[in-house]
Amino acid sequence: MQDEIQTVSLDGAKYGVKDLTPRVIEGFNMLVKLQAEIKEQSYEMQKLDAAQATIIAQVKQFIEEDKIEEHKEDEI
């Protein structure tokens, strides 16, 4: 037999699952899904940040290897 959830928490307050109305249950279910999506998006942002840092380092290396000089404003 699986353990069923007896209580849920929201902002530090606990509520008995058996006392929840259908719309409150739906709201809690939506929150669970949103929290999972937030976690996934956080992972995606970390992945993209790491990829961006790698590409920046690679482009800097190419600039150095190709001996490209930095443009100075007074050279216009």
PDB file of N, CA and C in Angstrom:
ATOM      1  N   MET A   1       0.823  -1.183   0.000  1.00  0.00           N
ATOM      2  CA  MET A   1       0.000   0.000   0.000  1.00  0.00           C
ATOM      3  C   MET A   1       0.866   1.245   0.000  1.00  0.00           C
ATOM      4  N   GLN A   2       0.560   2.173  -0.886  1.00  0.00           N
ATOM      5  CA  GLN A   2       1.321   3.413  -0.967  1.00  0.00           C
ATOM      6  C   GLN A   2       0.891   4.366   0.135  1.00  0.00           C
ATOM      7  N   ASP A   3       1.867   5.121   0.626  1.00  0.00           N
ATOM      8  CA  ASP A   3       1.544   6.157   1.602  1.00  0.00           C
ATOM      9  C   ASP A   3       0.885   7.316   0.873  1.00  0.00           C
ATOM     10  N   GLU A   4      -0.281   7.700   1.340  1.00  0.00           N
ATOM     11  CA  GLU A   4      -0.979   8.820   0.740  1.00  0.00           C
ATOM     12  C   GLU A   4      -0.621  10.097   1.486  1.00  0.00           C
ATOM     13  N   ILE A   5      -0.567  11.185   0.759  1.00  0.00           N
ATOM     14  CA  ILE A   5      -0.268  12.474   1.360  1.00  0.00           C
ATOM     15  C   ILE A   5      -1.447  12.877   2.240  1.00  0.00           C
ATOM     16  N   GLN A   6      -1.146  13.212   3.490  1.00  0.00           N
ATOM     17  CA  GLN A   6      -2.186  13.593   4.445  1.00  0.00           C
ATOM     18  C   GLN A   6      -2.347  15.112   4.552  1.00  0.00           C
ATOM     19  N   THR A   7      -1.211  15.827   4.391  1.00  0.00           N
ATOM     20  CA  THR A   7      -1.242  17.288   4.501  1.00  0.00           C
ATOM     21  C   THR A   7      -0.430  17.910   3.373  1.00  0.00           C
ATOM     22  N   VAL A   8      -0.750  19.157   3.101  1.00  0.00           N
ATOM     23  CA  VAL A   8       0.025  19.959   2.154  1.00  0.00           C
ATOM     24  C   VAL A   8       0.347  21.276   2.837  1.00  0.00           C
ATOM     25  N   SER A   9       1.438  21.907   2.398  1.00  0.00           N
ATOM     26  CA  SER A   9       1.868  23.179   2.986  1.00  0.00           C
ATOM     27  C   SER A   9       1.854  24.275   1.942  1.00  0.00           C
ATOM     28  N   LEU A  10       1.513  25.468   2.409  1.00  0.00           N
ATOM     29  CA  LEU A  10       1.561  26.661   1.541  1.00  0.00           C
ATOM     30  C   LEU A  10       1.936  27.844   2.423  1.00  0.00           C
ATOM     31  N   ASP A  11       3.073  28.432   2.112  1.00  0.00           N
ATOM     32  CA  ASP A  11       3.570  29.583   2.878  1.00  0.00           C
ATOM     33  C   ASP A  11       3.614  29.313   4.373  1.00  0.00           C
ATOM     34  N   GLY A  12       4.076  28.130   4.749  1.00  0.00           N
ATOM     35  CA  GLY A  12       4.249  27.787   6.147  1.00  0.00           C
ATOM     36  C   GLY A  12       3.005  27.259   6.847  1.00  0.00           C
ATOM     37  N   ALA A  13       1.852  27.304   6.196  1.00  0.00           N
ATOM     38  CA  ALA A  13       0.615  26.785   6.785  1.00  0.00           C
ATOM     39  C   ALA A  13       0.355  25.392   6.235  1.00  0.00           C
ATOM     40  N   LYS A  14      -0.122  24.502   7.085  1.00  0.00           N
ATOM     41  CA  LYS A  14      -0.441  23.132   6.660  1.00  0.00           C
ATOM     42  C   LYS A  14      -1.954  22.960   6.592  1.00  0.00           C
ATOM     43  N   TYR A  15      -2.372  22.158   5.602  1.00  0.00           N
ATOM     44  CA  TYR A  15      -3.791  21.900   5.393  1.00  0.00           C
ATOM     45  C   TYR A  15      -3.990  20.412   5.188  1.00  0.00           C
ATOM     46  N   GLY A  16      -5.071  19.883   5.716  1.00  0.00           N
ATOM     47  CA  GLY A  16      -5.396  18.481   5.516  1.00  0.00           C
ATOM     48  C   GLY A  16      -5.925  18.272   4.104  1.00  0.00           C
ATOM     49  N   VAL A  17      -5.377  17.282   3.425  1.00  0.00           N
ATOM     50  CA  VAL A  17      -5.784  17.000   2.046  1.00  0.00           C
ATOM     51  C   VAL A  17      -7.282  16.716   1.973  1.00  0.00           C
ATOM     52  N   LYS A  18      -7.810  16.022   2.941  1.00  0.00           N
ATOM     53  CA  LYS A  18      -9.238  15.665   2.922  1.00  0.00           C
ATOM     54  C   LYS A  18     -10.143  16.900   3.028  1.00  0.00           C
ATOM     55  N   ASP A  19      -9.585  18.036   3.507  1.00  0.00           N
ATOM     56  CA  ASP A  19     -10.367  19.263   3.659  1.00  0.00           C
ATOM     57  C   ASP A  19     -10.351  20.150   2.414  1.00  0.00           C
ATOM     58  N   LEU A  20      -9.512  19.824   1.460  1.00  0.00           N
ATOM     59  CA  LEU A  20      -9.342  20.693   0.294  1.00  0.00           C
ATOM     60  C   LEU A  20     -10.498  20.553  -0.685  1.00  0.00           C
ATOM     61  N   THR A  21     -10.879  21.669  -1.256  1.00  0.00           N
ATOM     62  CA  THR A  21     -11.908  21.667  -2.299  1.00  0.00           C
ATOM     63  C   THR A  21     -11.261  21.347  -3.637  1.00  0.00           C
ATOM     64  N   PRO A  22     -12.049  20.960  -4.634  1.00  0.00           N
ATOM     65  CA  PRO A  22     -11.474  20.644  -5.951  1.00  0.00           C
ATOM     66  C   PRO A  22     -10.648  21.791  -6.536  1.00  0.00           C
ATOM     67  N   ARG A  23     -11.097  23.028  -6.384  1.00  0.00           N
ATOM     68  CA  ARG A  23     -10.320  24.127  -6.985  1.00  0.00           C
ATOM     69  C   ARG A  23      -9.001  24.358  -6.243  1.00  0.00           C
ATOM     70  N   VAL A  24      -8.968  24.100  -4.935  1.00  0.00           N
ATOM     71  CA  VAL A  24      -7.715  24.224  -4.190  1.00  0.00           C
ATOM     72  C   VAL A  24      -6.766  23.089  -4.581  1.00  0.00           C
ATOM     73  N   ILE A  25      -7.298  21.897  -4.733  1.00  0.00           N
ATOM     74  CA  ILE A  25      -6.477  20.768  -5.198  1.00  0.00           C
ATOM     75  C   ILE A  25      -5.891  21.075  -6.571  1.00  0.00           C
ATOM     76  N   GLU A  26      -6.712  21.615  -7.456  1.00  0.00           N
ATOM     77  CA  GLU A  26      -6.234  21.996  -8.786  1.00  0.00           C
ATOM     78  C   GLU A  26      -5.129  23.036  -8.682  1.00  0.00           C
ATOM     79  N   GLY A  27      -5.300  23.987  -7.784  1.00  0.00           N
ATOM     80  CA  GLY A  27      -4.267  25.005  -7.579  1.00  0.00           C
ATOM     81  C   GLY A  27      -2.964  24.408  -7.096  1.00  0.00           C
ATOM     82  N   PHE A  28      -3.037  23.480  -6.136  1.00  0.00           N
ATOM     83  CA  PHE A  28      -1.825  22.815  -5.650  1.00  0.00           C
ATOM     84  C   PHE A  28      -1.164  22.005  -6.764  1.00  0.00           C
ATOM     85  N   ASN A  29      -1.972  21.313  -7.561  1.00  0.00           N
ATOM     86  CA  ASN A  29      -1.416  20.551  -8.684  1.00  0.00           C
ATOM     87  C   ASN A  29      -0.707  21.471  -9.677  1.00  0.00           C
ATOM     88  N   MET A  30      -1.295  22.644  -9.926  1.00  0.00           N
ATOM     89  CA  MET A  30      -0.671  23.621 -10.822  1.00  0.00           C
ATOM     90  C   MET A  30       0.658  24.102 -10.239  1.00  0.00           C
ATOM     91  N   LEU A  31       0.680  24.355  -8.932  1.00  0.00           N
ATOM     92  CA  LEU A  31       1.928  24.783  -8.294  1.00  0.00           C
ATOM     93  C   LEU A  31       3.025  23.735  -8.419  1.00  0.00           C
ATOM     94  N   VAL A  32       2.676  22.471  -8.242  1.00  0.00           N
ATOM     95  CA  VAL A  32       3.664  21.398  -8.370  1.00  0.00           C
ATOM     96  C   VAL A  32       4.239  21.376  -9.786  1.00  0.00           C
ATOM     97  N   LYS A  33       3.373  21.500 -10.785  1.00  0.00           N
ATOM     98  CA  LYS A  33       3.835  21.506 -12.178  1.00  0.00           C
ATOM     99  C   LYS A  33       4.694  22.720 -12.464  1.00  0.00           C
ATOM    100  N   LEU A  34       4.294  23.883 -11.963  1.00  0.00           N
ATOM    101  CA  LEU A  34       5.073  25.107 -12.177  1.00  0.00           C
ATOM    102  C   LEU A  34       6.450  25.006 -11.533  1.00  0.00           C
ATOM    103  N   GLN A  35       6.512  24.456 -10.333  1.00  0.00           N
ATOM    104  CA  GLN A  35       7.794  24.304  -9.661  1.00  0.00           C
ATOM    105  C   GLN A  35       8.721  23.378 -10.441  1.00  0.00           C
ATOM    106  N   ALA A  36       8.168  22.335 -11.034  1.00  0.00           N
ATOM    107  CA  ALA A  36       8.980  21.436 -11.867  1.00  0.00           C
ATOM    108  C   ALA A  36       9.487  22.166 -13.100  1.00  0.00           C
ATOM    109  N   GLU A  37       8.635  22.983 -13.707  1.00  0.00           N
ATOM    110  CA  GLU A  37       9.054  23.746 -14.887  1.00  0.00           C
ATOM    111  C   GLU A  37      10.112  24.774 -14.533  1.00  0.00           C
ATOM    112  N   ILE A  38       9.955  25.425 -13.392  1.00  0.00           N
ATOM    113  CA  ILE A  38      10.958  26.400 -12.946  1.00  0.00           C
ATOM    114  C   ILE A  38      12.306  25.724 -12.766  1.00  0.00           C
ATOM    115  N   LYS A  39      12.293  24.548 -12.165  1.00  0.00           N
ATOM    116  CA  LYS A  39      13.537  23.790 -11.971  1.00  0.00           C
ATOM    117  C   LYS A  39      14.165  23.442 -13.321  1.00  0.00           C
ATOM    118  N   GLU A  40      13.354  23.022 -14.269  1.00  0.00           N
ATOM    119  CA  GLU A  40      13.848  22.676 -15.609  1.00  0.00           C
ATOM    120  C   GLU A  40      14.419  23.907 -16.314  1.00  0.00           C
ATOM    121  N   GLN A  41      13.718  25.034 -16.218  1.00  0.00           N
ATOM    122  CA  GLN A  41      14.196  26.265 -16.854  1.00  0.00           C
ATOM    123  C   GLN A  41      15.496  26.746 -16.216  1.00  0.00           C
ATOM    124  N   SER A  42      15.628  26.556 -14.915  1.00  0.00           N
ATOM    125  CA  SER A  42      16.868  26.911 -14.229  1.00  0.00           C
ATOM    126  C   SER A  42      18.031  26.093 -14.779  1.00  0.00           C
ATOM    127  N   TYR A  43      17.787  24.795 -14.971  1.00  0.00           N
ATOM    128  CA  TYR A  43      18.803  23.919 -15.563  1.00  0.00           C
ATOM    129  C   TYR A  43      19.161  24.390 -16.967  1.00  0.00           C
ATOM    130  N   GLU A  44      18.137  24.720 -17.759  1.00  0.00           N
ATOM    131  CA  GLU A  44      18.383  25.180 -19.129  1.00  0.00           C
ATOM    132  C   GLU A  44      19.211  26.470 -19.139  1.00  0.00           C
ATOM    133  N   MET A  45      18.921  27.390 -18.223  1.00  0.00           N
ATOM    134  CA  MET A  45      19.681  28.635 -18.154  1.00  0.00           C
ATOM    135  C   MET A  45      21.134  28.372 -17.784  1.00  0.00           C
ATOM    136  N   GLN A  46      21.362  27.467 -16.835  1.00  0.00           N
ATOM    137  CA  GLN A  46      22.735  27.119 -16.466  1.00  0.00           C
ATOM    138  C   GLN A  46      23.474  26.507 -17.650  1.00  0.00           C
ATOM    139  N   LYS A  47      22.784  25.668 -18.394  1.00  0.00           N
ATOM    140  CA  LYS A  47      23.384  25.031 -19.561  1.00  0.00           C
ATOM    141  C   LYS A  47      23.739  26.079 -20.615  1.00  0.00           C
ATOM    142  N   LEU A  48      22.823  27.006 -20.867  1.00  0.00           N
ATOM    143  CA  LEU A  48      23.067  28.049 -21.863  1.00  0.00           C
ATOM    144  C   LEU A  48      24.171  29.000 -21.420  1.00  0.00           C
ATOM    145  N   ASP A  49      24.205  29.338 -20.130  1.00  0.00           N
ATOM    146  CA  ASP A  49      25.275  30.192 -19.608  1.00  0.00           C
ATOM    147  C   ASP A  49      26.635  29.540 -19.804  1.00  0.00           C
ATOM    148  N   ALA A  50      26.715  28.237 -19.538  1.00  0.00           N
ATOM    149  CA  ALA A  50      27.976  27.516 -19.711  1.00  0.00           C
ATOM    150  C   ALA A  50      28.381  27.479 -21.186  1.00  0.00           C
ATOM    151  N   ALA A  51      27.417  27.248 -22.058  1.00  0.00           N
ATOM    152  CA  ALA A  51      27.717  27.229 -23.497  1.00  0.00           C
ATOM    153  C   ALA A  51      28.191  28.600 -23.963  1.00  0.00           C
ATOM    154  N   GLN A  52      27.525  29.648 -23.499  1.00  0.00           N
ATOM    155  CA  GLN A  52      27.915  31.006 -23.883  1.00  0.00           C
ATOM    156  C   GLN A  52      29.340  31.310 -23.412  1.00  0.00           C
ATOM    157  N   ALA A  53      29.677  30.946 -22.182  1.00  0.00           N
ATOM    158  CA  ALA A  53      31.018  31.186 -21.659  1.00  0.00           C
ATOM    159  C   ALA A  53      32.064  30.450 -22.489  1.00  0.00           C
ATOM    160  N   THR A  54      31.744  29.231 -22.918  1.00  0.00           N
ATOM    161  CA  THR A  54      32.665  28.454 -23.746  1.00  0.00           C
ATOM    162  C   THR A  54      32.884  29.127 -25.098  1.00  0.00           C
ATOM    163  N   ILE A  55      31.819  29.594 -25.729  1.00  0.00           N
ATOM    164  CA  ILE A  55      31.937  30.251 -27.033  1.00  0.00           C
ATOM    165  C   ILE A  55      32.701  31.566 -26.915  1.00  0.00           C
ATOM    166  N   ILE A  56      32.438  32.333 -25.857  1.00  0.00           N
ATOM    167  CA  ILE A  56      33.183  33.580 -25.648  1.00  0.00           C
ATOM    168  C   ILE A  56      34.673  33.297 -25.534  1.00  0.00           C
ATOM    169  N   ALA A  57      35.037  32.287 -24.744  1.00  0.00           N
ATOM    170  CA  ALA A  57      36.450  31.929 -24.600  1.00  0.00           C
ATOM    171  C   ALA A  57      37.048  31.497 -25.933  1.00  0.00           C
ATOM    172  N   GLN A  58      36.279  30.753 -26.710  1.00  0.00           N
ATOM    173  CA  GLN A  58      36.763  30.286 -28.007  1.00  0.00           C
ATOM    174  C   GLN A  58      36.971  31.454 -28.965  1.00  0.00           C
ATOM    175  N   VAL A  59      36.032  32.390 -29.019  1.00  0.00           N
ATOM    176  CA  VAL A  59      36.166  33.540 -29.910  1.00  0.00           C
ATOM    177  C   VAL A  59      37.368  34.391 -29.488  1.00  0.00           C
ATOM    178  N   LYS A  60      37.558  34.586 -28.180  1.00  0.00           N
ATOM    179  CA  LYS A  60      38.730  35.341 -27.704  1.00  0.00           C
ATOM    180  C   LYS A  60      40.026  34.664 -28.143  1.00  0.00           C
ATOM    181  N   GLN A  61      40.043  33.325 -28.061  1.00  0.00           N
ATOM    182  CA  GLN A  61      41.231  32.578 -28.487  1.00  0.00           C
ATOM    183  C   GLN A  61      41.461  32.767 -29.982  1.00  0.00           C
ATOM    184  N   PHE A  62      40.398  32.709 -30.783  1.00  0.00           N
ATOM    185  CA  PHE A  62      40.527  32.913 -32.236  1.00  0.00           C
ATOM    186  C   PHE A  62      41.070  34.304 -32.538  1.00  0.00           C
ATOM    187  N   ILE A  63      40.570  35.314 -31.825  1.00  0.00           N
ATOM    188  CA  ILE A  63      41.034  36.692 -32.034  1.00  0.00           C
ATOM    189  C   ILE A  63      42.532  36.788 -31.738  1.00  0.00           C
ATOM    190  N   GLU A  64      42.949  36.148 -30.641  1.00  0.00           N
ATOM    191  CA  GLU A  64      44.376  36.173 -30.287  1.00  0.00           C
ATOM    192  C   GLU A  64      45.202  35.422 -31.326  1.00  0.00           C
ATOM    193  N   GLU A  65      44.763  34.234 -31.719  1.00  0.00           N
ATOM    194  CA  GLU A  65      45.501  33.430 -32.697  1.00  0.00           C
ATOM    195  C   GLU A  65      45.589  34.129 -34.051  1.00  0.00           C
ATOM    196  N   ASP A  66      44.514  34.828 -34.442  1.00  0.00           N
ATOM    197  CA  ASP A  66      44.492  35.515 -35.729  1.00  0.00           C
ATOM    198  C   ASP A  66      45.102  36.906 -35.656  1.00  0.00           C
ATOM    199  N   LYS A  67      45.616  37.268 -34.471  1.00  0.00           N
ATOM    200  CA  LYS A  67      46.303  38.537 -34.238  1.00  0.00           C
ATOM    201  C   LYS A  67      45.457  39.748 -34.652  1.00  0.00           C
ATOM    202  N   ILE A  68      44.218  39.743 -34.254  1.00  0.00           N
ATOM    203  CA  ILE A  68      43.313  40.859 -34.539  1.00  0.00           C
ATOM    204  C   ILE A  68      43.454  41.863 -33.414  1.00  0.00           C
ATOM    205  N   GLU A  69      43.768  43.094 -33.791  1.00  0.00           N
ATOM    206  CA  GLU A  69      43.964  44.152 -32.816  1.00  0.00           C
ATOM    207  C   GLU A  69      42.629  44.741 -32.384  1.00  0.00           C
ATOM    208  N   GLU A  70      42.562  45.155 -31.128  1.00  0.00           N
ATOM    209  CA  GLU A  70      41.380  45.804 -30.610  1.00  0.00           C
ATOM    210  C   GLU A  70      41.232  47.181 -31.235  1.00  0.00           C
ATOM    211  N   HIS A  71      40.035  47.530 -31.622  1.00  0.00           N
ATOM    212  CA  HIS A  71      39.749  48.833 -32.219  1.00  0.00           C
ATOM    213  C   HIS A  71      39.776  49.903 -31.143  1.00  0.00           C
ATOM    214  N   LYS A  72      40.505  50.974 -31.395  1.00  0.00           N
ATOM    215  CA  LYS A  72      40.573  52.098 -30.468  1.00  0.00           C
ATOM    216  C   LYS A  72      39.687  53.210 -30.993  1.00  0.00           C
ATOM    217  N   GLU A  73      38.961  53.860 -30.114  1.00  0.00           N
ATOM    218  CA  GLU A  73      38.020  54.929 -30.511  1.00  0.00           C
ATOM    219  C   GLU A  73      38.732  56.061 -31.228  1.00  0.00           C
ATOM    220  N   ASP A  74      39.938  56.420 -30.831  1.00  0.00           N
ATOM    221  CA  ASP A  74      40.641  57.543 -31.444  1.00  0.00           C
ATOM    222  C   ASP A  74      41.211  57.214 -32.835  1.00  0.00           C
ATOM    223  N   GLU A  75      41.014  55.995 -33.316  1.00  0.00           N
ATOM    224  CA  GLU A  75      41.515  55.608 -34.626  1.00  0.00           C
ATOM    225  C   GLU A  75      40.501  55.867 -35.732  1.00  0.00           C
ATOM    226  N   ILE A  76      39.345  56.388 -35.399  1.00  0.00           N
ATOM    227  CA  ILE A  76      38.287  56.601 -36.404  1.00  0.00           C
ATOM    228  C   ILE A  76      38.641  57.756 -37.312  1.00  0.00           C
TER     229      ILE A  76
END
